[in-house]
Amino acid sequence: MPATAKAVRQRRERRHRTIRRRLRGTAQRPRLNVFRSSANIYVQIIDDDRGHTLVAASSLEGPAKDRKKVDQARSVGRLAAERARALGITQVVFDRGGYLYHGRIKAAADGARAGGLEF
C-alpha cells in the first residue's frame, strides 16, 4: 500500500526531531537548516540560543528562479553562505531537516560550502 503524503511528512518530522536532539546552533556556530517543498527549497541560519534566524534564502528569490531544482538548491546554499559571511559567520552546523543527504539537500550543502561556510 503506498504511503500517504501525511505519513511521509510525519516520518520526516520524526527523523528531524531525532536529529535536533543532537544538533544545537550557537552564536559562534549557528545551525544551517534546510527545508524542501515539492517546488522550492529554503535555507535558514539559526542561533538556537537566542531563537533568532540570522540569515534566510530561498529559491523564490531572483537568481535561483528558472533553473532545475538541484541547480536552484545549489544557488540558494551559495546565497545563504554569502549573506552569512557578510555577518561574519564562517562555521555552521548542518541540519538536513530529516531528509536524506541526497539530491537537493546535498546540492544546498555543496553550495553553502562553495560560498565559504565550513561544516
Protein backbone atom coordinates (compact mmCIF):
# COMPACT_ATOMS: atom_id res chain seq x y z
CA MET A 1 0.00 0.00 0.00
CA PRO A 2 1.52 3.37 -0.97
CA ALA A 3 2.32 5.81 1.80
CA THR A 4 0.14 8.86 2.04
CA ALA A 5 1.60 12.35 1.99
CA LYS A 6 0.66 12.73 5.65
CA ALA A 7 2.52 9.56 6.63
CA VAL A 8 5.61 10.61 4.68
CA ARG A 9 5.59 14.05 6.35
CA GLN A 10 5.15 12.51 9.80
CA ARG A 11 8.10 10.15 9.29
CA ARG A 12 10.30 13.05 8.14
CA GLU A 13 9.27 15.16 11.14
CA ARG A 14 10.07 12.27 13.46
CA ARG A 15 13.54 11.89 11.92
CA HIS A 16 14.02 15.65 12.22
CA ARG A 17 13.16 15.61 15.94
CA THR A 18 15.71 12.82 16.44
CA ILE A 19 18.38 14.82 14.62
CA ARG A 20 17.52 18.01 16.53
CA ARG A 21 18.15 16.30 19.87
CA ARG A 22 21.82 16.19 18.91
CA LEU A 23 22.20 19.46 16.96
CA ARG A 24 22.18 22.90 18.51
CA GLY A 25 23.16 26.18 16.92
CA THR A 26 25.07 28.73 18.97
CA ALA A 27 26.13 32.30 18.30
CA GLN A 28 29.64 31.09 17.36
CA ARG A 29 28.39 28.14 15.27
CA PRO A 30 24.76 28.58 14.19
CA ARG A 31 22.58 25.88 12.64
CA LEU A 32 22.09 25.80 8.86
CA ASN A 33 18.60 24.38 8.37
CA VAL A 34 17.23 23.18 5.02
CA PHE A 35 13.54 22.77 4.19
CA ARG A 36 12.48 21.25 0.91
CA SER A 37 8.99 21.53 -0.52
CA SER A 38 7.89 19.95 -3.76
CA ALA A 39 8.57 23.15 -5.70
CA ASN A 40 11.07 25.20 -3.67
CA ILE A 41 13.92 24.98 -1.20
CA TYR A 42 14.54 27.21 1.82
CA VAL A 43 17.73 27.67 3.84
CA GLN A 44 17.97 29.40 7.22
CA ILE A 45 20.89 30.01 9.53
CA ILE A 46 19.61 29.99 13.10
CA ASP A 47 21.05 30.88 16.50
CA ASP A 48 19.17 28.45 18.79
CA ASP A 49 20.45 30.08 21.98
CA ARG A 50 18.55 33.28 21.19
CA GLY A 51 15.92 31.67 18.96
CA HIS A 52 16.70 34.04 16.07
CA THR A 53 17.03 33.47 12.36
CA LEU A 54 20.22 35.22 11.29
CA VAL A 55 20.09 34.55 7.54
CA ALA A 56 17.41 33.26 5.19
CA ALA A 57 17.42 32.42 1.48
CA SER A 58 15.01 30.58 -0.79
CA SER A 59 14.52 29.54 -4.38
CA LEU A 60 11.71 32.13 -4.60
CA GLU A 61 14.34 34.87 -4.82
CA GLY A 62 15.58 36.24 -8.11
CA PRO A 63 18.79 34.48 -9.15
CA ALA A 64 17.57 30.99 -8.22
CA LYS A 65 14.41 31.07 -10.36
CA ASP A 66 14.07 29.41 -13.76
CA ARG A 67 16.56 26.61 -13.20
CA LYS A 68 16.46 22.92 -12.46
CA LYS A 69 15.66 22.15 -8.83
CA VAL A 70 19.15 20.85 -7.99
CA ASP A 71 20.73 23.97 -9.51
CA GLN A 72 18.26 26.12 -7.57
CA ALA A 73 19.26 24.39 -4.35
CA ARG A 74 22.96 24.92 -5.04
CA SER A 75 22.48 28.64 -5.73
CA VAL A 76 20.28 29.06 -2.62
CA GLY A 77 23.02 27.47 -0.49
CA ARG A 78 25.61 29.78 -2.03
CA LEU A 79 23.35 32.82 -1.48
CA ALA A 80 22.83 31.91 2.18
CA ALA A 81 26.59 31.46 2.62
CA GLU A 82 27.31 34.88 1.11
CA ARG A 83 24.79 36.52 3.43
CA ALA A 84 26.23 34.66 6.42
CA ARG A 85 29.78 35.68 5.59
CA ALA A 86 28.62 39.30 5.39
CA LEU A 87 27.57 38.90 9.05
CA GLY A 88 30.91 37.31 9.96
CA ILE A 89 29.62 33.72 10.15
CA THR A 90 32.05 31.16 8.74
CA GLN A 91 31.23 27.95 10.64
CA VAL A 92 27.80 26.31 10.92
CA VAL A 93 26.21 23.04 11.99
CA PHE A 94 24.32 21.40 9.11
CA ASP A 95 20.72 20.33 9.83
CA ARG A 96 19.32 18.27 6.97
CA GLY A 97 15.81 18.53 8.37
CA GLY A 98 15.04 14.82 8.37
CA TYR A 99 15.67 14.49 4.63
CA LEU A 100 18.20 12.10 3.13
CA TYR A 101 21.55 13.74 2.39
CA HIS A 102 20.97 13.39 -1.32
CA GLY A 103 19.80 15.41 -4.31
CA ARG A 104 18.63 18.93 -3.46
CA ILE A 105 19.72 18.70 0.18
CA LYS A 106 23.26 17.73 -0.82
CA ALA A 107 23.28 20.43 -3.51
CA ALA A 108 22.30 23.10 -0.95
CA ALA A 109 25.10 21.91 1.34
CA ASP A 110 27.61 21.94 -1.52
CA GLY A 111 26.50 25.44 -2.46
CA ALA A 112 26.97 26.65 1.11
CA ARG A 113 30.45 25.12 1.19
CA ALA A 114 31.26 26.76 -2.15
CA GLY A 115 30.07 30.06 -0.67
CA GLY A 116 32.63 29.76 2.11
CA LEU A 117 30.86 28.11 5.04
CA GLU A 118 32.59 25.31 6.94
CA PHE A 119 30.74 22.30 8.36
